[in-house]
Amino acid sequence: MSYEPLVTEFLGVTLKNPVLAASGTVGFGREYETLASLSKLGGICSKGLTLNGSLGNDGPRIYETPAGLLNSIGLENPGVGRFIKEELPFMRSLGCAVIANLGGHSEIEYIKGASLLNDAEIDILELNISCPNILDGGMAFGIDPKSAADITKKVKAKSRHPLLVKLTPNAPDLIAVAAACEEAGADGLSLVNTFLGMAIDTKLRKPVFNNVYAGLSGPAIFPIALRMVHEVCKAVSIPVAGIGGIAAKEDALSFLMAGASVVQIGSMTFAAPDTMAKLVDELYDYCKLNALENIRQIVGIL
């Protein structure tokens, strides 16, 4: 079966389709490949990487909410070096684009991590300045336009890969952060990451998570994420990856019509692992039904 109408150019990379697995939701692909065909996707974003690896947060890490999911994973990962040696070969074998998601606790960690990834056969570097579940770094870089621009500029200067900067919806002025990252040299933007939320164990009379607050994702955030993506797409001239609560074809189409060039699917894969593969088929059927030569014809039509 030919999926030619779905072929998408994104940051200079040719993708089979605009459906990507969001960072942190399929690990490095091994577990999900037994549940659904990841090779069918346009690309996979790796689990969030840090220079030296991390065991992640202590205590509970996942808490289900109405139409959503709170997580406090804390960037558990093997580190950039082990990722290149142990995980990247498998990801490459899937036959879709590989996006390495790079986090960090300090500026030097981001820069060193990006430098190490220069020798790796990845397609895109996703700079994660939006993780809310670590105490140092992460979202701290992404809530202020100046700090977001500074780290973007420095990583861009060190990286040979196209740079996709992942933004946090928790920034006081998301448009200002997006514009600052574009001016600093970002090739594209991905948004949104999770919204800060909280859960309380009323029996124990204490917060569920050791860090008190955690990141909310899932269908509950979709309308807000869609609005933010639409606003950012109107404010910048670089490509955008839309993320946030996509659960069905209509959600993905909405992001594309709002201006996103590609979409990333995350939390829904926990409930239905075949969501992304099915979405590829559904977008293809949509193109055929509406006589579209390519899915890009609906991108940004609003």
Protein backbone atom coordinates (compact mmCIF):
# COMPACT_ATOMS: atom_id res chain seq x y z
CA MET A 1 0.00 0.00 0.00
CA SER A 2 1.40 3.39 -1.01
CA TYR A 3 1.12 6.24 1.47
CA GLU A 4 2.48 8.84 -0.95
CA PRO A 5 -0.16 11.48 -0.04
CA LEU A 6 1.23 11.51 3.51
CA VAL A 7 4.92 12.08 2.68
CA THR A 8 6.03 15.14 4.64
CA GLU A 9 9.11 17.34 4.55
CA PHE A 10 10.02 18.50 8.04
CA LEU A 11 13.20 20.40 8.92
CA GLY A 12 14.85 19.11 5.75
CA VAL A 13 14.00 15.50 6.56
CA THR A 14 11.64 13.44 4.40
CA LEU A 15 9.12 11.63 6.59
CA LYS A 16 6.85 8.82 5.43
CA ASN A 17 3.97 10.62 7.12
CA PRO A 18 3.38 13.39 9.69
CA VAL A 19 2.70 11.02 12.61
CA LEU A 20 5.47 10.86 15.23
CA ALA A 21 5.72 9.10 18.58
CA ALA A 22 6.19 11.70 21.31
CA SER A 23 9.20 11.60 23.60
CA GLY A 24 8.87 9.55 26.76
CA THR A 25 5.86 7.55 25.60
CA VAL A 26 7.37 4.63 23.66
CA GLY A 27 10.77 4.46 25.35
CA PHE A 28 13.24 3.69 22.56
CA GLY A 29 10.74 1.59 20.68
CA ARG A 30 11.53 -1.93 21.84
CA GLU A 31 8.51 -2.41 24.09
CA TYR A 32 5.97 -0.90 21.72
CA GLU A 33 7.23 -2.71 18.64
CA THR A 34 5.70 -5.88 20.11
CA LEU A 35 2.34 -4.11 20.46
CA ALA A 36 2.10 -1.97 17.31
CA SER A 37 4.00 -1.34 14.09
CA LEU A 38 6.30 1.58 14.85
CA SER A 39 7.94 1.19 11.45
CA LYS A 40 4.72 2.57 9.97
CA LEU A 41 5.29 5.97 11.60
CA GLY A 42 6.97 9.03 10.20
CA GLY A 43 9.35 9.11 13.14
CA ILE A 44 10.02 8.34 16.79
CA CYS A 45 11.17 10.78 19.43
CA SER A 46 13.47 9.09 21.91
CA LYS A 47 12.95 9.05 25.63
CA GLY A 48 14.34 12.25 27.11
CA LEU A 49 18.12 11.96 27.32
CA THR A 50 20.59 13.57 29.70
CA LEU A 51 24.34 13.62 29.39
CA ASN A 52 25.10 11.17 32.19
CA GLY A 53 21.84 9.31 32.53
CA SER A 54 19.38 9.37 35.40
CA LEU A 55 17.39 6.97 37.59
CA GLY A 56 14.46 9.36 37.54
CA ASN A 57 12.27 10.46 40.42
CA ASP A 58 11.56 8.51 43.60
CA GLY A 59 8.05 7.61 44.66
CA PRO A 60 4.92 7.28 42.51
CA ARG A 61 5.44 8.27 38.87
CA ILE A 62 2.06 7.84 37.19
CA TYR A 63 -1.42 8.87 38.30
CA GLU A 64 -4.55 8.58 36.16
CA THR A 65 -6.94 11.54 36.01
CA PRO A 66 -10.24 12.05 34.17
CA ALA A 67 -9.29 11.99 30.46
CA GLY A 68 -5.65 12.45 31.37
CA LEU A 69 -2.48 11.28 32.98
CA LEU A 70 -0.16 12.88 35.53
CA ASN A 71 3.47 11.79 35.37
CA SER A 72 6.56 12.50 37.41
CA ILE A 73 9.11 10.26 35.70
CA GLY A 74 11.98 12.68 36.01
CA LEU A 75 13.89 11.91 32.79
CA GLU A 76 14.89 8.35 33.65
CA ASN A 77 17.31 7.41 30.86
CA PRO A 78 20.63 5.63 30.17
CA GLY A 79 22.55 8.74 29.14
CA VAL A 80 23.59 9.99 25.71
CA GLY A 81 26.56 7.65 25.34
CA ARG A 82 24.65 4.46 26.11
CA PHE A 83 21.76 5.62 23.96
CA ILE A 84 24.08 5.90 20.96
CA LYS A 85 25.60 2.47 21.55
CA GLU A 86 22.65 0.45 22.85
CA GLU A 87 19.38 2.02 21.71
CA LEU A 88 19.98 3.98 18.53
CA PRO A 89 20.77 0.94 16.33
CA PHE A 90 17.37 -0.56 17.11
CA MET A 91 15.57 2.73 16.51
CA ARG A 92 17.34 3.05 13.16
CA SER A 93 16.29 -0.47 12.20
CA LEU A 94 12.62 0.54 12.33
CA GLY A 95 13.00 2.46 9.09
CA CYS A 96 11.50 5.76 10.22
CA ALA A 97 13.07 9.05 11.25
CA VAL A 98 14.84 9.17 14.62
CA ILE A 99 14.50 12.29 16.74
CA ALA A 100 16.74 12.41 19.81
CA ASN A 101 15.14 14.31 22.66
CA LEU A 102 17.86 16.00 24.73
CA GLY A 103 17.26 17.32 28.24
CA GLY A 104 19.65 18.61 30.83
CA HIS A 105 20.16 19.95 34.33
CA SER A 106 22.58 22.68 33.25
CA GLU A 107 23.73 24.57 30.19
CA ILE A 108 26.98 22.61 29.97
CA GLU A 109 25.05 19.29 30.00
CA TYR A 110 22.94 20.41 27.05
CA ILE A 111 25.98 21.53 25.07
CA LYS A 112 28.04 18.40 25.79
CA GLY A 113 25.07 16.17 25.03
CA ALA A 114 24.46 17.89 21.70
CA SER A 115 28.14 17.57 20.84
CA LEU A 116 28.11 13.82 21.53
CA LEU A 117 25.03 13.41 19.35
CA ASN A 118 26.88 15.00 16.42
CA ASP A 119 28.52 11.64 15.82
CA ALA A 120 25.19 9.80 15.98
CA GLU A 121 22.99 8.98 13.00
CA ILE A 122 19.90 10.78 14.18
CA ASP A 123 17.72 12.88 11.91
CA ILE A 124 16.61 15.66 14.23
CA LEU A 125 17.66 16.91 17.67
CA GLU A 126 14.70 17.86 19.87
CA LEU A 127 15.89 20.24 22.57
CA ASN A 128 13.76 19.65 25.65
CA ILE A 129 13.56 22.88 27.61
CA SER A 130 10.12 22.04 28.92
CA CYS A 131 10.27 19.06 31.29
CA PRO A 132 8.44 20.00 34.53
CA ASN A 133 9.56 16.93 36.50
CA ILE A 134 13.16 17.79 37.34
CA LEU A 135 14.25 20.27 39.98
CA ASP A 136 17.14 21.80 38.01
CA GLY A 137 17.16 22.60 34.30
CA GLY A 138 14.38 21.46 31.98
CA MET A 139 11.44 23.83 32.21
CA ALA A 140 13.59 26.43 33.97
CA PHE A 141 15.19 27.15 30.58
CA GLY A 142 11.87 27.31 28.77
CA ILE A 143 9.72 29.69 30.78
CA ASP A 144 11.74 32.84 30.05
CA PRO A 145 12.38 34.12 26.51
CA LYS A 146 15.96 35.19 27.28
CA SER A 147 17.07 31.90 28.82
CA ALA A 148 15.25 29.91 26.10
CA ALA A 149 16.98 31.92 23.38
CA ASP A 150 20.36 31.62 25.06
CA ILE A 151 20.35 27.83 25.34
CA THR A 152 18.88 27.50 21.84
CA LYS A 153 21.64 29.64 20.34
CA LYS A 154 24.40 27.76 22.15
CA VAL A 155 23.10 24.27 21.28
CA LYS A 156 22.44 25.31 17.68
CA ALA A 157 26.07 26.45 17.39
CA LYS A 158 27.29 23.00 18.53
CA SER A 159 24.84 20.71 16.74
CA ARG A 160 25.08 19.49 13.13
CA HIS A 161 21.48 18.26 13.24
CA PRO A 162 18.29 20.25 12.58
CA LEU A 163 17.19 21.71 15.90
CA LEU A 164 13.61 21.28 17.11
CA VAL A 165 13.00 23.15 20.38
CA LYS A 166 10.29 21.70 22.62
CA LEU A 167 8.36 24.38 24.49
CA THR A 168 6.47 24.34 27.76
CA PRO A 169 2.87 25.54 28.02
CA ASN A 170 3.70 26.74 31.53
CA ALA A 171 5.64 29.76 30.25
CA PRO A 172 4.03 33.08 31.25
CA ASP A 173 4.37 34.28 27.63
CA LEU A 174 4.61 31.32 25.28
CA ILE A 175 4.55 33.47 22.13
CA ALA A 176 7.54 35.49 23.36
CA VAL A 177 9.47 32.28 24.10
CA ALA A 178 8.63 30.85 20.67
CA ALA A 179 9.72 34.03 18.89
CA ALA A 180 12.93 34.19 20.93
CA CYS A 181 13.83 30.59 20.02
CA GLU A 182 13.18 31.29 16.33
CA GLU A 183 15.41 34.35 16.43
CA ALA A 184 18.10 32.34 18.24
CA GLY A 185 18.28 29.85 15.37
CA ALA A 186 15.77 27.09 16.08
CA ASP A 187 14.85 25.25 12.89
CA GLY A 188 11.46 24.27 14.31
CA LEU A 189 9.37 24.17 17.47
CA SER A 190 7.43 21.38 19.16
CA LEU A 191 4.63 22.09 21.61
CA VAL A 192 3.10 21.53 24.01
CA ASN A 193 4.76 19.56 26.74
CA THR A 194 2.74 18.76 29.86
CA PHE A 195 0.84 21.21 32.04
CA LEU A 196 1.72 21.42 35.72
CA GLY A 197 -0.84 19.58 37.80
CA MET A 198 -1.26 18.01 41.20
CA ALA A 199 -2.87 15.04 42.90
CA ILE A 200 -3.55 14.51 46.61
CA ASP A 201 -3.90 11.21 48.43
CA THR A 202 -6.81 12.11 50.68
CA LYS A 203 -6.38 8.98 52.79
CA LEU A 204 -2.77 9.76 53.60
CA ARG A 205 -3.43 13.53 53.47
CA LYS A 206 -0.40 14.27 51.36
CA PRO A 207 0.54 14.85 47.71
CA VAL A 208 0.69 11.74 45.54
CA PHE A 209 4.04 12.75 44.04
CA ASN A 210 7.25 13.35 45.96
CA ASN A 211 7.84 16.49 43.88
CA VAL A 212 4.26 17.61 44.71
CA TYR A 213 3.53 18.80 41.15
CA ALA A 214 3.60 16.67 38.02
CA GLY A 215 2.95 16.93 34.29
CA LEU A 216 -0.60 16.54 32.96
CA SER A 217 -1.14 15.07 29.49
CA GLY A 218 -3.89 13.24 27.62
CA PRO A 219 -7.17 14.21 25.90
CA ALA A 220 -8.03 16.61 28.74
CA ILE A 221 -5.41 19.10 27.53
CA PHE A 222 -6.26 18.90 23.81
CA PRO A 223 -8.32 22.12 23.38
CA ILE A 224 -5.75 24.21 25.25
CA ALA A 225 -2.82 22.67 23.42
CA LEU A 226 -4.56 23.25 20.09
CA ARG A 227 -5.11 26.91 20.90
CA MET A 228 -1.46 27.35 21.86
CA VAL A 229 -0.21 25.64 18.71
CA HIS A 230 -2.46 27.84 16.58
CA GLU A 231 -1.17 30.98 18.29
CA VAL A 232 2.47 29.98 17.89
CA CYS A 233 2.02 28.98 14.24
CA LYS A 234 0.62 32.45 13.55
CA ALA A 235 3.54 34.10 15.36
CA VAL A 236 6.56 32.28 13.84
CA SER A 237 7.72 31.35 10.36
CA ILE A 238 9.48 28.07 11.21
CA PRO A 239 7.74 24.64 11.18
CA VAL A 240 5.87 23.43 14.25
CA ALA A 241 5.19 19.95 15.61
CA GLY A 242 1.82 19.86 17.36
CA ILE A 243 1.48 17.87 20.57
CA GLY A 244 -1.17 17.55 23.22
CA GLY A 245 -4.00 15.12 23.83
CA ILE A 246 -4.36 13.67 20.33
CA ALA A 247 -6.65 10.66 20.58
CA ALA A 248 -8.30 10.43 17.16
CA LYS A 249 -8.04 11.43 13.49
CA GLU A 250 -10.04 14.61 14.06
CA ASP A 251 -7.56 15.76 16.71
CA ALA A 252 -4.59 15.27 14.40
CA LEU A 253 -6.37 17.01 11.53
CA SER A 254 -7.18 19.92 13.83
CA PHE A 255 -3.51 20.39 14.70
CA LEU A 256 -2.54 20.27 11.03
CA MET A 257 -5.24 22.75 10.05
CA ALA A 258 -4.10 25.01 12.90
CA GLY A 259 -0.64 25.14 11.31
CA ALA A 260 1.37 22.21 12.62
CA SER A 261 3.43 20.42 9.97
CA VAL A 262 3.55 17.17 11.95
CA VAL A 263 1.92 15.78 15.08
CA GLN A 264 3.30 13.82 18.00
CA ILE A 265 1.18 11.24 19.81
CA GLY A 266 1.86 10.40 23.44
CA SER A 267 -0.47 9.48 26.27
CA MET A 268 -3.11 7.82 24.11
CA THR A 269 -0.65 5.02 23.30
CA PHE A 270 -0.89 3.88 26.94
CA ALA A 271 -4.61 3.21 26.50
CA ALA A 272 -4.45 2.00 22.90
CA PRO A 273 -0.93 1.11 21.66
CA ASP A 274 -2.09 0.91 18.04
CA THR A 275 -3.36 4.52 18.02
CA MET A 276 -0.48 5.89 15.94
CA ALA A 277 -0.47 3.13 13.32
CA LYS A 278 -4.24 3.42 12.92
CA LEU A 279 -3.93 7.18 12.58
CA VAL A 280 -1.60 6.78 9.60
CA ASP A 281 -4.24 4.72 7.81
CA GLU A 282 -6.99 7.15 8.75
CA LEU A 283 -5.07 10.17 7.47
CA TYR A 284 -4.39 8.33 4.22
CA ASP A 285 -8.10 7.57 3.84
CA TYR A 286 -8.88 11.23 4.55
CA CYS A 287 -6.57 12.33 1.73
CA LYS A 288 -8.14 9.91 -0.72
CA LEU A 289 -11.71 10.78 0.30
CA ASN A 290 -11.00 14.52 -0.08
CA ALA A 291 -8.92 14.19 -3.27
CA LEU A 292 -5.82 15.65 -1.63
CA GLU A 293 -2.56 15.09 -3.47
CA ASN A 294 -0.74 15.60 -0.18
CA ILE A 295 -1.72 16.12 3.44
CA ARG A 296 0.24 19.39 3.46
CA GLN A 297 -2.64 20.97 1.53
CA ILE A 298 -4.58 21.34 4.78
CA VAL A 299 -1.67 22.57 6.91
CA GLY A 300 -2.36 26.04 8.26
CA ILE A 301 -5.61 26.60 6.42
CA LEU A 302 -7.14 28.41 9.42
